[in-house]
Structures are given as C-alpha cells and as structure tokens.
Amino acid sequence: MSDLSDFSKTTPQLETVDVESIQTGIEPGSGSARMKVGESVPRKKNIPKGLWTKCGKCTELIYDKDLEENLKTCSSCGYHFPIAARARLASLVDKGSFREMDAGMSSVDILKFTGVASYRSKLERYKGVTGENDAVITGLCRMGPHRLALGIMDFSFLGGSMGSVVGEKLTRLIETGTRKKLPVIIVSTSG
C-alpha cells in the first residue's frame, strides 16, 4: 500500500476562487479565473420571453396563459398586474361590438411646456409605448344584452393624466350616452 502523504506532495494545489470571480469569469488581479475540480458555474436559464411572469408581490412564477385567463391576477396571492386599456376593453365587452369615438383626437402642447423633458416629447414617448393617442379610449359597445357608452383610461399613458383631450373625450362620451339614453361606464385608472 502506498503512502498517501507522497500523493499530496505531487498534486498541484488549486487556488480558491471567490463567488464573484466565478460569476464574472475573472479572478481578481489575474485576468483569468481558475476553478476547483468539481465546481460548476451556475448557468443562466434561457427561458423564452412571453412564457412566464414573476409576480411583483409574492415572486411566484406564473405561466402567461394562466395569467391572461385569470385577468392578470396572481392566483397565489391575488396581486393585480397592470392592464392596458385595449386588453381591459377586450375583457369587458362583447367581441366586435366596440365602436370607438374620437379615435383621432390627440393632445398637443399648446403652452409649449418645458421641464426636465418637454410635454411634447413625453406625449410622443407615451404614444409609442402604448400605441394610443391619449390616456383614454371611449366608445359605444355591448356587454351581454346591454348597450352602453364606455370609457377606459390607460395608466400607462402619463399615469392616466387628465389633460384637455381626456376631458373632452369623456365629456363627449357622457353627452352621447345621455342623448342615446345609455348607461355610461368609466374605468378610471389615473394616479
């Protein structure tokens, strides 16, 4: 039987590498990382986008199809995810029944307001982010047997800010609903 003490003299000693150097792949001060035999580098999991969403409250991973079927509500803790105005519209009204009013109406910067960013640049940015001209969608639709006038605000557009266009569109919605003797429902999501 051979002496194990001789074995340790011939085996090269490996340097200990800290966790940060393993994650970055660079050993501090050396330009390269060395790892111990048997150590493994944690690999980032390649999860395709659009399949899973992490709950902002309980951190549970939720399959996106389940999240949509549950109307953007976490089934574990009841957290309500933000819903864009068009998605909310689709969840409320009978398919194909919505007739949008004043779709082309859009805010302009009459006062030429400037701050950290100009109001005009903010409007353009939020139009791009949401695909909407302003913070509210209005129109006539059906919910089951009921015809109604519906306005849905979009918090994603400047926090659902009620500028001149939002006010005008809501006023026209209420006037149309009153004239046609329809119930008026406004889903307000402003901050």
Protein backbone atom coordinates (compact mmCIF):
# COMPACT_ATOMS: atom_id res chain seq x y z
CA MET A 1 0.00 0.00 0.00
CA SER A 2 1.44 3.38 -0.96
CA ASP A 3 1.87 6.31 1.36
CA LEU A 4 -0.81 9.00 0.77
CA SER A 5 1.44 11.74 2.10
CA ASP A 6 3.57 11.42 -1.05
CA PHE A 7 0.43 11.87 -3.18
CA SER A 8 -0.31 15.29 -1.69
CA LYS A 9 3.24 16.44 -2.48
CA THR A 10 2.84 15.69 -6.20
CA THR A 11 -0.71 17.02 -6.59
CA PRO A 12 -0.79 20.69 -7.57
CA GLN A 13 -2.66 22.88 -5.12
CA LEU A 14 -5.60 24.73 -6.64
CA GLU A 15 -6.34 28.29 -5.71
CA THR A 16 -9.62 29.14 -4.05
CA VAL A 17 -11.76 31.41 -6.20
CA ASP A 18 -14.41 33.66 -4.69
CA VAL A 19 -18.01 33.54 -5.91
CA GLU A 20 -17.80 36.92 -7.62
CA SER A 21 -14.89 35.79 -9.79
CA ILE A 22 -16.81 32.67 -10.80
CA GLN A 23 -19.80 34.75 -11.85
CA THR A 24 -17.70 37.25 -13.81
CA GLY A 25 -15.24 34.66 -15.09
CA ILE A 26 -12.29 36.79 -13.97
CA GLU A 27 -10.13 36.16 -10.96
CA PRO A 28 -9.35 39.47 -9.25
CA GLY A 29 -5.96 40.75 -10.40
CA SER A 30 -5.16 37.84 -12.76
CA GLY A 31 -7.24 38.41 -15.86
CA SER A 32 -8.50 34.82 -15.78
CA ALA A 33 -10.47 32.61 -13.43
CA ARG A 34 -9.45 29.26 -12.00
CA MET A 35 -11.93 26.87 -10.53
CA LYS A 36 -11.63 23.90 -8.25
CA VAL A 37 -12.28 20.47 -9.67
CA GLY A 38 -15.94 19.65 -9.16
CA GLU A 39 -17.09 23.29 -9.02
CA SER A 40 -19.62 24.35 -11.58
CA VAL A 41 -20.54 27.73 -12.91
CA PRO A 42 -24.23 28.50 -12.47
CA ARG A 43 -25.76 28.87 -15.90
CA LYS A 44 -28.41 31.38 -16.72
CA LYS A 45 -31.59 29.61 -17.72
CA ASN A 46 -32.75 30.55 -21.17
CA ILE A 47 -36.47 30.97 -20.66
CA PRO A 48 -38.16 32.34 -23.77
CA LYS A 49 -39.85 35.70 -23.26
CA GLY A 50 -43.61 35.70 -23.15
CA LEU A 51 -43.98 32.38 -21.34
CA TRP A 52 -43.58 33.23 -17.65
CA THR A 53 -44.08 36.29 -15.48
CA LYS A 54 -42.83 36.78 -11.93
CA CYS A 55 -45.42 38.14 -9.50
CA GLY A 56 -44.44 41.55 -8.17
CA LYS A 57 -45.80 40.71 -4.73
CA CYS A 58 -45.14 37.05 -3.89
CA THR A 59 -42.45 36.40 -6.60
CA GLU A 60 -44.29 33.29 -7.80
CA LEU A 61 -43.59 32.39 -11.45
CA ILE A 62 -46.86 32.37 -13.38
CA TYR A 63 -47.41 30.83 -16.79
CA ASP A 64 -48.50 33.73 -19.03
CA LYS A 65 -51.52 31.88 -20.45
CA ASP A 66 -52.76 31.26 -16.89
CA LEU A 67 -52.18 34.93 -16.05
CA GLU A 68 -54.26 36.04 -19.05
CA GLU A 69 -57.06 33.58 -18.22
CA ASN A 70 -57.10 34.92 -14.65
CA LEU A 71 -57.45 38.52 -15.94
CA LYS A 72 -53.88 39.48 -14.95
CA THR A 73 -54.33 38.43 -11.31
CA CYS A 74 -51.81 36.23 -9.46
CA SER A 75 -53.54 33.01 -8.43
CA SER A 76 -51.18 32.62 -5.44
CA CYS A 77 -51.56 35.98 -3.70
CA GLY A 78 -54.25 37.93 -5.60
CA TYR A 79 -51.87 40.65 -6.86
CA HIS A 80 -53.39 42.61 -9.77
CA PHE A 81 -50.98 43.28 -12.64
CA PRO A 82 -51.47 46.46 -14.69
CA ILE A 83 -53.77 46.00 -17.68
CA ALA A 84 -53.55 48.12 -20.82
CA ALA A 85 -56.75 49.84 -21.87
CA ARG A 86 -57.24 47.70 -25.00
CA ALA A 87 -56.76 44.48 -23.01
CA ARG A 88 -59.29 45.67 -20.43
CA LEU A 89 -61.66 46.58 -23.23
CA ALA A 90 -61.37 43.07 -24.71
CA SER A 91 -62.11 41.52 -21.31
CA LEU A 92 -65.25 43.61 -20.74
CA VAL A 93 -67.18 43.99 -23.97
CA ASP A 94 -68.75 41.59 -26.44
CA LYS A 95 -66.32 40.75 -29.21
CA GLY A 96 -66.66 43.03 -32.23
CA SER A 97 -69.22 45.31 -30.58
CA PHE A 98 -66.98 48.27 -29.64
CA ARG A 99 -67.29 51.37 -31.84
CA GLU A 100 -64.61 53.85 -30.85
CA MET A 101 -65.42 57.55 -30.63
CA ASP A 102 -62.93 60.35 -31.31
CA ALA A 103 -60.07 57.92 -32.03
CA GLY A 104 -58.03 60.54 -33.87
CA MET A 105 -58.19 63.11 -31.09
CA SER A 106 -54.69 63.73 -29.72
CA SER A 107 -53.06 66.08 -27.20
CA VAL A 108 -50.86 68.94 -28.34
CA ASP A 109 -48.53 71.15 -26.35
CA ILE A 110 -50.36 74.49 -26.66
CA LEU A 111 -48.45 76.05 -23.75
CA LYS A 112 -45.03 74.86 -25.04
CA PHE A 113 -44.39 73.48 -21.55
CA THR A 114 -40.80 72.60 -20.72
CA GLY A 115 -39.38 70.89 -17.68
CA VAL A 116 -36.85 68.11 -17.38
CA ALA A 117 -38.41 66.88 -20.65
CA SER A 118 -40.84 68.81 -22.81
CA TYR A 119 -44.51 67.87 -22.65
CA ARG A 120 -44.40 67.26 -26.40
CA SER A 121 -41.56 64.72 -26.05
CA LYS A 122 -43.46 62.98 -23.22
CA LEU A 123 -46.58 62.75 -25.38
CA GLU A 124 -44.60 61.24 -28.26
CA ARG A 125 -42.89 58.75 -25.94
CA TYR A 126 -46.17 57.56 -24.40
CA LYS A 127 -47.85 57.33 -27.80
CA GLY A 128 -45.04 54.97 -28.80
CA VAL A 129 -45.19 52.95 -25.57
CA THR A 130 -48.96 52.47 -25.51
CA GLY A 131 -49.93 52.76 -29.17
CA GLU A 132 -52.67 55.19 -28.07
CA ASN A 133 -53.12 58.89 -28.88
CA ASP A 134 -54.04 59.76 -25.29
CA ALA A 135 -54.87 58.32 -21.87
CA VAL A 136 -58.49 57.30 -22.58
CA ILE A 137 -60.38 55.20 -25.11
CA THR A 138 -64.10 55.94 -25.48
CA GLY A 139 -66.89 54.36 -27.48
CA LEU A 140 -70.20 52.55 -27.64
CA CYS A 141 -70.45 48.79 -27.12
CA ARG A 142 -72.42 45.83 -25.83
CA MET A 143 -71.96 43.89 -22.60
CA GLY A 144 -74.26 40.92 -22.89
CA PRO A 145 -77.77 42.25 -23.54
CA HIS A 146 -76.80 45.83 -22.59
CA ARG A 147 -75.77 48.66 -24.90
CA LEU A 148 -73.63 51.26 -23.18
CA ALA A 149 -71.14 54.11 -23.50
CA LEU A 150 -67.72 53.08 -22.19
CA GLY A 151 -64.55 54.99 -21.38
CA ILE A 152 -61.37 53.20 -20.30
CA MET A 153 -58.37 55.13 -19.08
CA ASP A 154 -54.83 53.83 -19.56
CA PHE A 155 -52.46 54.38 -16.64
CA SER A 156 -49.52 53.58 -18.94
CA PHE A 157 -50.12 56.89 -20.73
CA LEU A 158 -48.77 59.59 -18.39
CA GLY A 159 -50.34 57.91 -15.37
CA GLY A 160 -53.81 58.34 -16.87
CA SER A 161 -53.37 62.11 -16.62
CA MET A 162 -56.50 64.06 -17.40
CA GLY A 163 -55.37 66.61 -19.95
CA SER A 164 -57.62 68.56 -22.29
CA VAL A 165 -58.14 65.64 -24.69
CA VAL A 166 -59.06 63.17 -21.94
CA GLY A 167 -61.54 65.69 -20.53
CA GLU A 168 -63.04 66.38 -23.96
CA LYS A 169 -63.36 62.70 -24.87
CA LEU A 170 -65.05 61.88 -21.54
CA THR A 171 -67.40 64.86 -21.91
CA ARG A 172 -68.40 63.74 -25.41
CA LEU A 173 -68.88 60.17 -24.15
CA ILE A 174 -71.21 61.32 -21.36
CA GLU A 175 -73.14 63.61 -23.72
CA THR A 176 -73.56 60.79 -26.27
CA GLY A 177 -74.64 58.33 -23.57
CA THR A 178 -77.16 60.84 -22.20
CA ARG A 179 -78.54 61.67 -25.65
CA LYS A 180 -78.94 57.97 -26.56
CA LYS A 181 -80.23 57.10 -23.07
CA LEU A 182 -77.37 54.64 -22.48
CA PRO A 183 -75.62 53.86 -19.22
CA VAL A 184 -72.14 55.39 -19.09
CA ILE A 185 -69.30 53.43 -17.50
CA ILE A 186 -65.85 54.94 -16.99
CA VAL A 187 -62.97 52.74 -15.88
CA SER A 188 -60.68 55.27 -14.22
CA THR A 189 -57.05 54.34 -13.68
CA SER A 190 -55.49 57.75 -13.21
CA GLY A 191 -52.97 58.37 -10.46
